[in-house]
Amino acid sequence: MRTPVTLLLELGIILAALSVLGAAARRFTLSPVPLYLLAGLAIGEGGIAPVPAAGEFVEIGAGIGVVLLLLTLGLQFSLTEFTSSLRRHVPSAVIDLVLNAVPGAVAAWLLGLDGIGILALAGATYISSSGIVARLLADLRRLGNRETPAVLSVLVMEDFAMAAYLPLLAVLASGGPWWQAVLGVLIAIGAVLAAFTASYRWGHHLGRLLAHPDAEQLMLRVLGLTLIVAALAELVHASAAVGAFLVGLTLTGETADRARAVLSPLRDLFAAVFFLAIGLTVDPDDLVPLLPAALALAVVTTVTKLVTGHYAASRDKVGRRGRLRAGTALVARGEFSLVIISLVGTLHGGLVPLVTAYVFILAVAGPVLTRLAGPVPTRGAPTAAGGAAQRGGRRPS
């Protein structure tokens, strides 16, 4: 099979450019995420150097990137530990929903939108980017911090909420009957609960099934199962990220440590593609006119996410600096907000550039704020912060 020369050339240039940007970011102990986003803006439609041949690869790779980010994040924690954290953070989820959905709903009402538009913009301002947050926690070596379980609990419960929200919005936006929307919500919630219960009760058998002394076999088994679970999650309008995260949680001990080691290079490649893809979705010509409105909405919802993270971390009795780090980690919006707005684009076309500008602002500002909220990572420290620390050891405050 002959591969198009243009595709190879564009991908080669993209990866080389990302390498330079990543090296520059790490030279100053920064996360490379904002630079990857800006690179996507530069090579997207309307940018200074479009890459039409590589667009399809980047789009597909972005979806794989989110799955790998959440899989490797799940590998850092035990299912028992995380389940306990989820139960403790139900009030945090309520606070998160109220504080971050209301600004979007109010903004949509002020813009004169109907109920579907209000529901869509409320969802876009509510949901943080699991992919960006997962990468930031790894880049800044905060996977072992005491506030991290609180951040992950909020993220996972947001994704659970999306399992009910997305089928509802999709049916309403398409003009379907109310009973179809309710049925879609019930199916999605039931599927997520069934998957979580199965993972909790029988997940310990999974490690024995996937374990293999050969690294290639282990990678293929873990990645294959994860993609299947992610696909099933998407099939019922749940999040592929939640499915991947559950697979990671069920693997423990040596199997988890080896899986994390063999998958990390693959994760880094596709994670970079994911952040590039967010930038590719933005047309600068559409972005500029709506920047003032998007910036105002971004400022308000940055504050509300800071409050959310502060409250969630306080429930784990985390110190003042840790509460601030938790809040800044939740600021970034990304893939889900863009999916939400795409569902109502035909009804409310004006929302698409507004939300795109909003997402781009917070996808860049979130990582910067997160970096500024904590100490400079020690050069040469392990990015996973040590397997034992992640799975029950003492975390820094």
Protein backbone atom coordinates (compact mmCIF):
# COMPACT_ATOMS: atom_id res chain seq x y z
CA MET A 1 0.00 0.00 0.00
CA ARG A 2 1.43 3.35 -1.05
CA THR A 3 1.29 6.16 1.51
CA PRO A 4 0.74 9.67 0.07
CA VAL A 5 3.93 11.71 0.12
CA THR A 6 2.05 14.85 1.20
CA LEU A 7 0.66 13.09 4.28
CA LEU A 8 4.08 11.84 5.34
CA LEU A 9 5.65 15.26 4.81
CA GLU A 10 2.96 17.13 6.74
CA LEU A 11 3.02 14.67 9.64
CA GLY A 12 6.80 14.82 9.76
CA ILE A 13 6.80 18.62 9.89
CA ILE A 14 4.03 18.62 12.55
CA LEU A 15 5.84 16.17 14.83
CA ALA A 16 9.16 17.98 14.43
CA ALA A 17 7.49 21.30 15.29
CA LEU A 18 5.77 19.78 18.34
CA SER A 19 9.14 18.42 19.45
CA VAL A 20 10.68 21.89 19.33
CA LEU A 21 7.73 23.44 21.18
CA GLY A 22 7.73 20.72 23.83
CA ALA A 23 11.46 21.11 24.42
CA ALA A 24 11.08 24.90 24.73
CA ALA A 25 8.23 24.52 27.25
CA ARG A 26 10.11 22.05 29.40
CA ARG A 27 13.23 24.23 29.28
CA PHE A 28 11.21 26.72 31.37
CA THR A 29 9.44 23.97 33.38
CA LEU A 30 6.11 24.71 31.71
CA SER A 31 3.47 22.37 30.32
CA PRO A 32 3.66 22.25 26.51
CA VAL A 33 -0.15 22.16 26.20
CA PRO A 34 -0.66 25.91 25.48
CA LEU A 35 2.04 25.82 22.79
CA TYR A 36 0.47 22.75 21.17
CA LEU A 37 -2.89 24.56 21.11
CA LEU A 38 -1.35 27.63 19.49
CA ALA A 39 0.38 25.40 16.94
CA GLY A 40 -3.00 23.91 16.05
CA LEU A 41 -4.39 27.42 15.57
CA ALA A 42 -1.49 28.25 13.24
CA ILE A 43 -1.94 25.21 10.98
CA GLY A 44 -5.74 24.99 11.06
CA GLU A 45 -8.23 26.33 8.56
CA GLY A 46 -7.55 30.03 8.18
CA GLY A 47 -4.13 29.70 9.84
CA ILE A 48 -0.76 30.63 8.41
CA ALA A 49 0.25 27.09 7.32
CA PRO A 50 -2.73 24.73 6.79
CA VAL A 51 -2.10 20.97 6.60
CA PRO A 52 -5.09 19.52 4.72
CA ALA A 53 -3.60 16.07 4.11
CA ALA A 54 -2.87 15.42 7.80
CA GLY A 55 -6.24 16.66 9.06
CA GLU A 56 -7.96 13.26 9.12
CA PHE A 57 -5.08 11.61 10.97
CA VAL A 58 -5.06 14.39 13.57
CA GLU A 59 -8.82 14.07 14.10
CA ILE A 60 -8.65 10.30 14.64
CA GLY A 61 -5.50 10.57 16.74
CA ALA A 62 -7.15 13.14 19.00
CA GLY A 63 -9.81 10.64 20.07
CA ILE A 64 -7.17 8.02 20.82
CA GLY A 65 -5.20 10.63 22.76
CA VAL A 66 -8.04 11.29 25.21
CA VAL A 67 -8.50 7.56 25.77
CA LEU A 68 -4.79 7.01 26.48
CA LEU A 69 -4.58 10.02 28.79
CA LEU A 70 -7.42 8.76 30.96
CA LEU A 71 -6.25 5.14 30.84
CA THR A 72 -2.80 6.01 32.16
CA LEU A 73 -4.35 8.35 34.73
CA GLY A 74 -6.52 5.50 36.02
CA LEU A 75 -3.43 3.29 36.29
CA GLN A 76 -2.12 5.60 39.03
CA PHE A 77 -4.91 4.78 41.50
CA SER A 78 -6.68 1.81 43.02
CA LEU A 79 -10.40 1.29 42.40
CA THR A 80 -11.17 0.97 46.13
CA GLU A 81 -9.42 4.23 46.92
CA PHE A 82 -11.13 6.07 44.09
CA THR A 83 -14.60 4.71 44.88
CA SER A 84 -14.26 5.99 48.43
CA SER A 85 -13.22 9.38 47.05
CA LEU A 86 -16.24 9.48 44.71
CA ARG A 87 -18.68 8.91 47.59
CA ARG A 88 -17.03 11.67 49.59
CA HIS A 89 -17.28 14.14 46.72
CA VAL A 90 -20.97 13.99 45.81
CA PRO A 91 -21.44 17.45 47.44
CA SER A 92 -18.48 18.69 45.38
CA ALA A 93 -20.26 17.53 42.22
CA VAL A 94 -23.40 19.46 43.19
CA ILE A 95 -21.39 22.62 43.87
CA ASP A 96 -19.57 22.14 40.55
CA LEU A 97 -22.83 21.81 38.61
CA VAL A 98 -24.51 24.83 40.17
CA LEU A 99 -21.53 27.19 40.04
CA ASN A 100 -20.39 26.38 36.52
CA ALA A 101 -23.59 25.65 34.60
CA VAL A 102 -25.43 28.75 35.82
CA PRO A 103 -23.06 31.32 34.19
CA GLY A 104 -23.54 29.66 30.80
CA ALA A 105 -27.31 29.50 31.24
CA VAL A 106 -27.47 33.18 32.24
CA ALA A 107 -25.26 34.21 29.30
CA ALA A 108 -27.50 32.28 26.88
CA TRP A 109 -30.61 33.89 28.37
CA LEU A 110 -29.06 37.36 27.97
CA LEU A 111 -28.32 36.49 24.34
CA GLY A 112 -32.01 35.74 23.83
CA LEU A 113 -31.60 32.02 23.11
CA ASP A 114 -34.33 29.43 23.57
CA GLY A 115 -34.32 26.55 26.06
CA ILE A 116 -32.09 24.32 23.93
CA GLY A 117 -29.52 27.10 23.51
CA ILE A 118 -29.57 27.77 27.27
CA LEU A 119 -29.08 24.06 27.99
CA ALA A 120 -26.20 23.82 25.50
CA LEU A 121 -24.24 26.83 26.74
CA ALA A 122 -24.77 25.75 30.37
CA GLY A 123 -23.19 22.38 29.54
CA ALA A 124 -20.29 23.99 27.68
CA THR A 125 -19.32 26.15 30.67
CA TYR A 126 -19.88 23.32 33.18
CA ILE A 127 -17.59 20.56 31.88
CA SER A 128 -13.82 20.67 32.35
CA SER A 129 -11.44 19.01 29.89
CA SER A 130 -10.46 15.56 31.19
CA GLY A 131 -7.75 15.30 28.54
CA ILE A 132 -6.04 18.59 29.37
CA VAL A 133 -6.29 18.06 33.14
CA ALA A 134 -4.85 14.54 32.90
CA ARG A 135 -1.86 15.81 30.91
CA LEU A 136 -1.29 18.73 33.29
CA LEU A 137 -1.24 16.52 36.37
CA ALA A 138 1.42 14.35 34.73
CA ASP A 139 3.46 17.23 33.31
CA LEU A 140 3.56 19.09 36.62
CA ARG A 141 4.18 15.88 38.61
CA ARG A 142 1.09 16.29 40.77
CA LEU A 143 -0.32 12.79 40.42
CA GLY A 144 0.81 12.06 43.99
CA ASN A 145 -0.53 15.29 45.50
CA ARG A 146 -3.22 15.11 48.18
CA GLU A 147 -5.62 17.26 46.12
CA THR A 148 -5.45 15.02 43.04
CA PRO A 149 -8.15 12.47 44.11
CA ALA A 150 -10.55 15.38 44.67
CA VAL A 151 -9.80 16.76 41.19
CA LEU A 152 -10.30 13.34 39.60
CA SER A 153 -13.53 12.75 41.50
CA VAL A 154 -14.98 16.01 40.18
CA LEU A 155 -13.85 15.18 36.62
CA VAL A 156 -15.31 11.68 36.65
CA MET A 157 -18.63 12.85 38.05
CA GLU A 158 -18.76 15.51 35.35
CA ASP A 159 -18.27 12.77 32.77
CA PHE A 160 -21.01 10.71 34.45
CA ALA A 161 -23.28 13.75 34.19
CA MET A 162 -22.46 13.96 30.49
CA ALA A 163 -23.79 10.40 30.10
CA ALA A 164 -27.25 11.74 30.96
CA TYR A 165 -26.86 15.20 29.45
CA LEU A 166 -25.65 14.38 25.92
CA PRO A 167 -28.51 12.00 24.94
CA LEU A 168 -31.01 14.52 26.29
CA LEU A 169 -29.51 17.43 24.36
CA ALA A 170 -29.11 15.40 21.16
CA VAL A 171 -32.77 14.34 21.11
CA LEU A 172 -34.08 17.81 21.98
CA ALA A 173 -31.85 19.46 19.36
CA SER A 174 -33.08 17.07 16.69
CA GLY A 175 -36.73 17.71 17.58
CA GLY A 176 -37.37 14.22 18.97
CA PRO A 177 -40.16 13.43 21.46
CA TRP A 178 -39.65 13.77 25.21
CA TRP A 179 -39.98 10.03 25.85
CA GLN A 180 -37.09 9.32 23.48
CA ALA A 181 -34.91 11.78 25.40
CA VAL A 182 -35.83 10.17 28.73
CA LEU A 183 -35.18 6.68 27.35
CA GLY A 184 -31.75 7.72 26.09
CA VAL A 185 -30.86 9.18 29.48
CA LEU A 186 -31.95 6.03 31.34
CA ILE A 187 -30.01 3.73 29.00
CA ALA A 188 -26.84 5.81 29.31
CA ILE A 189 -27.01 6.04 33.11
CA GLY A 190 -27.76 2.33 33.42
CA ALA A 191 -24.83 1.40 31.20
CA VAL A 192 -22.39 3.57 33.17
CA LEU A 193 -23.57 2.18 36.52
CA ALA A 194 -23.39 -1.39 35.22
CA ALA A 195 -19.83 -0.85 33.94
CA PHE A 196 -18.69 0.69 37.22
CA THR A 197 -20.30 -2.10 39.27
CA ALA A 198 -18.74 -4.80 37.10
CA SER A 199 -15.35 -3.11 37.37
CA TYR A 200 -15.67 -2.85 41.17
CA ARG A 201 -16.86 -6.44 41.76
CA TRP A 202 -14.90 -8.42 39.16
CA GLY A 203 -12.17 -6.07 38.01
CA HIS A 204 -9.49 -7.88 40.03
CA HIS A 205 -9.72 -10.76 37.53
CA LEU A 206 -8.77 -8.41 34.72
CA GLY A 207 -5.15 -8.07 35.77
CA ARG A 208 -4.60 -11.83 35.61
CA LEU A 209 -6.27 -11.95 32.19
CA LEU A 210 -4.13 -9.18 30.69
CA ALA A 211 -0.81 -9.92 32.40
CA HIS A 212 1.98 -11.21 30.16
CA PRO A 213 5.78 -11.19 30.53
CA ASP A 214 6.23 -9.81 27.00
CA ALA A 215 5.86 -6.01 26.85
CA GLU A 216 4.38 -6.05 23.34
CA GLN A 217 1.68 -8.55 24.35
CA LEU A 218 0.82 -6.53 27.45
CA MET A 219 0.51 -3.31 25.43
CA LEU A 220 -1.70 -4.92 22.79
CA ARG A 221 -3.98 -6.54 25.35
CA VAL A 222 -4.43 -3.46 27.53
CA LEU A 223 -4.83 -1.05 24.60
CA GLY A 224 -7.19 -3.39 22.73
CA LEU A 225 -9.48 -3.86 25.74
CA THR A 226 -9.42 -0.14 26.51
CA LEU A 227 -10.47 0.84 23.00
CA ILE A 228 -13.29 -1.72 23.07
CA VAL A 229 -14.58 -0.41 26.42
CA ALA A 230 -14.24 3.20 25.20
CA ALA A 231 -16.23 2.36 22.07
CA LEU A 232 -18.99 0.71 24.11
CA ALA A 233 -19.12 3.78 26.37
CA GLU A 234 -19.53 6.06 23.35
CA LEU A 235 -22.20 3.73 21.96
CA VAL A 236 -24.47 4.49 24.93
CA HIS A 237 -23.59 8.21 24.83
CA ALA A 238 -21.34 7.92 27.86
CA SER A 239 -17.76 9.15 27.78
CA ALA A 240 -14.99 7.13 26.19
CA ALA A 241 -12.75 8.79 28.77
CA VAL A 242 -14.76 7.25 31.63
CA GLY A 243 -14.50 3.81 30.05
CA ALA A 244 -10.73 4.14 29.67
CA PHE A 245 -10.37 5.48 33.20
CA LEU A 246 -12.29 2.49 34.63
CA VAL A 247 -10.00 0.06 32.80
CA GLY A 248 -6.98 1.82 34.30
CA LEU A 249 -8.48 1.70 37.80
CA THR A 250 -9.07 -2.04 37.65
CA LEU A 251 -5.41 -2.83 36.94
CA THR A 252 -3.20 -2.86 40.03
CA GLY A 253 0.24 -3.85 41.22
CA GLU A 254 2.96 -4.93 38.81
CA THR A 255 0.56 -5.19 35.86
CA ALA A 256 -0.44 -1.53 36.27
CA ASP A 257 3.18 -0.39 36.63
CA ARG A 258 4.30 -2.29 33.51
CA ALA A 259 1.25 -1.15 31.51
CA ARG A 260 1.98 2.46 32.40
CA ALA A 261 5.61 2.06 31.30
CA VAL A 262 4.82 0.51 27.90
CA LEU A 263 1.92 2.88 27.13
CA SER A 264 3.54 6.17 28.18
CA PRO A 265 5.35 6.88 24.87
CA LEU A 266 2.18 6.11 22.92
CA ARG A 267 0.17 8.34 25.25
CA ASP A 268 2.58 11.24 24.81
CA LEU A 269 2.38 11.01 21.01
CA PHE A 270 -1.40 10.94 20.78
CA ALA A 271 -1.87 13.44 23.61
CA ALA A 272 0.15 15.97 21.62
CA VAL A 273 -2.07 15.25 18.61
CA PHE A 274 -5.17 15.76 20.78
CA PHE A 275 -4.11 19.26 21.87
CA LEU A 276 -3.12 20.10 18.32
CA ALA A 277 -6.61 19.03 17.16
CA ILE A 278 -8.34 21.48 19.50
CA GLY A 279 -6.40 24.31 17.91
CA LEU A 280 -7.23 22.98 14.44
CA THR A 281 -10.97 23.40 15.11
CA VAL A 282 -10.57 27.14 15.54
CA ASP A 283 -10.75 29.56 12.62
CA PRO A 284 -8.98 32.81 13.64
CA ASP A 285 -11.43 34.85 11.56
CA ASP A 286 -14.33 33.54 13.68
CA LEU A 287 -12.37 33.83 16.91
CA VAL A 288 -11.47 37.51 16.96
CA PRO A 289 -14.92 39.23 16.86
CA LEU A 290 -16.23 37.18 19.80
CA LEU A 291 -13.16 37.40 22.00
CA PRO A 292 -14.59 40.10 24.36
CA ALA A 293 -17.76 38.11 25.12
CA ALA A 294 -15.85 34.84 25.37
CA LEU A 295 -13.25 36.45 27.63
CA ALA A 296 -15.91 37.79 30.01
CA LEU A 297 -17.51 34.35 30.25
CA ALA A 298 -14.08 32.78 30.73
CA VAL A 299 -13.23 35.10 33.63
CA VAL A 300 -16.48 34.31 35.44
CA THR A 301 -16.18 30.55 35.01
CA THR A 302 -12.51 30.58 35.98
CA VAL A 303 -13.55 31.99 39.33
CA THR A 304 -16.34 29.43 39.73
CA LYS A 305 -13.96 26.53 38.95
CA LEU A 306 -11.48 27.91 41.50
CA VAL A 307 -14.25 27.85 44.10
CA THR A 308 -15.23 24.32 43.05
CA GLY A 309 -11.69 22.99 43.37
CA HIS A 310 -11.17 24.79 46.68
CA TYR A 311 -14.33 23.22 48.12
CA ALA A 312 -13.58 19.72 46.78
CA ALA A 313 -10.01 19.73 48.13
CA SER A 314 -11.20 21.05 51.49
CA ARG A 315 -13.36 17.92 51.87
CA ASP A 316 -10.11 15.93 51.76
CA LYS A 317 -8.61 18.30 54.35
CA VAL A 318 -6.01 19.56 51.89
CA GLY A 319 -3.98 22.66 52.75
CA ARG A 320 -4.54 26.14 51.34
CA ARG A 321 -2.02 25.81 48.49
CA GLY A 322 -3.41 22.42 47.55
CA ARG A 323 -6.94 23.86 47.34
CA LEU A 324 -5.68 26.55 44.98
CA ARG A 325 -3.93 23.94 42.83
CA ALA A 326 -7.14 21.89 42.69
CA GLY A 327 -9.12 24.90 41.50
CA THR A 328 -6.70 25.90 38.77
CA ALA A 329 -6.46 22.30 37.53
CA LEU A 330 -10.20 22.33 36.76
CA VAL A 331 -10.22 25.60 34.79
CA ALA A 332 -9.44 24.22 31.30
CA ARG A 333 -12.37 23.47 28.97
CA GLY A 334 -11.93 21.42 25.83
CA GLU A 335 -13.29 18.44 23.94
CA PHE A 336 -16.68 18.06 25.64
CA SER A 337 -17.63 21.72 25.27
CA LEU A 338 -16.95 21.51 21.54
CA VAL A 339 -18.99 18.29 21.22
CA ILE A 340 -21.92 19.90 23.06
CA ILE A 341 -22.02 22.94 20.85
CA SER A 342 -21.74 20.85 17.68
CA LEU A 343 -25.05 19.17 18.59
CA VAL A 344 -26.95 22.48 18.37
CA GLY A 345 -24.89 24.15 15.64
CA THR A 346 -27.68 23.97 13.07
CA LEU A 347 -30.15 25.61 15.47
CA HIS A 348 -27.83 28.18 17.04
CA GLY A 349 -24.96 28.76 14.64
CA GLY A 350 -23.87 31.87 16.54
CA LEU A 351 -22.99 29.76 19.58
CA VAL A 352 -20.32 27.80 17.71
CA PRO A 353 -17.75 30.64 17.35
CA LEU A 354 -18.56 31.94 20.85
CA VAL A 355 -17.95 28.59 22.53
CA THR A 356 -14.93 27.88 20.33
CA ALA A 357 -13.35 31.16 21.42
CA TYR A 358 -14.30 30.44 25.04
CA VAL A 359 -12.77 26.95 24.93
CA PHE A 360 -9.59 28.19 23.30
CA ILE A 361 -9.09 30.92 25.92
CA LEU A 362 -9.49 28.50 28.83
CA ALA A 363 -7.56 25.69 27.15
CA VAL A 364 -4.58 28.07 27.05
CA ALA A 365 -5.19 29.94 30.32
CA GLY A 366 -5.97 26.82 32.39
CA PRO A 367 -2.52 25.21 32.02
CA VAL A 368 -0.79 28.55 32.65
CA LEU A 369 -2.78 29.16 35.86
CA THR A 370 -2.19 25.58 36.98
CA ARG A 371 1.55 25.97 36.53
CA LEU A 372 1.60 29.29 38.41
CA ALA A 373 -0.37 27.82 41.34
CA GLY A 374 2.36 25.37 42.33
CA PRO A 375 6.12 25.10 42.79
CA VAL A 376 8.46 24.49 39.87
CA PRO A 377 8.72 20.71 39.27
CA THR A 378 12.07 19.27 40.27
CA ARG A 379 14.09 18.65 37.12
CA GLY A 380 14.59 14.94 36.58
CA ALA A 381 11.88 13.82 39.03
CA PRO A 382 9.77 10.90 37.87
CA THR A 383 6.61 12.04 36.12
CA ALA A 384 4.51 9.37 37.74
CA ALA A 385 5.69 10.40 41.18
CA GLY A 386 6.34 6.80 42.03
CA GLY A 387 3.85 3.96 41.83
CA ALA A 388 3.64 3.46 45.58
CA ALA A 389 2.88 7.11 46.22
CA GLN A 390 0.01 7.01 43.75
CA ARG A 391 -1.57 3.91 45.28
CA GLY A 392 -2.03 4.86 48.88
CA GLY A 393 1.22 6.47 49.97
CA ARG A 394 1.40 9.84 51.67
CA ARG A 395 0.79 12.78 49.34
CA PRO A 396 2.16 16.29 49.73
CA SER A 397 -0.32 18.95 50.77
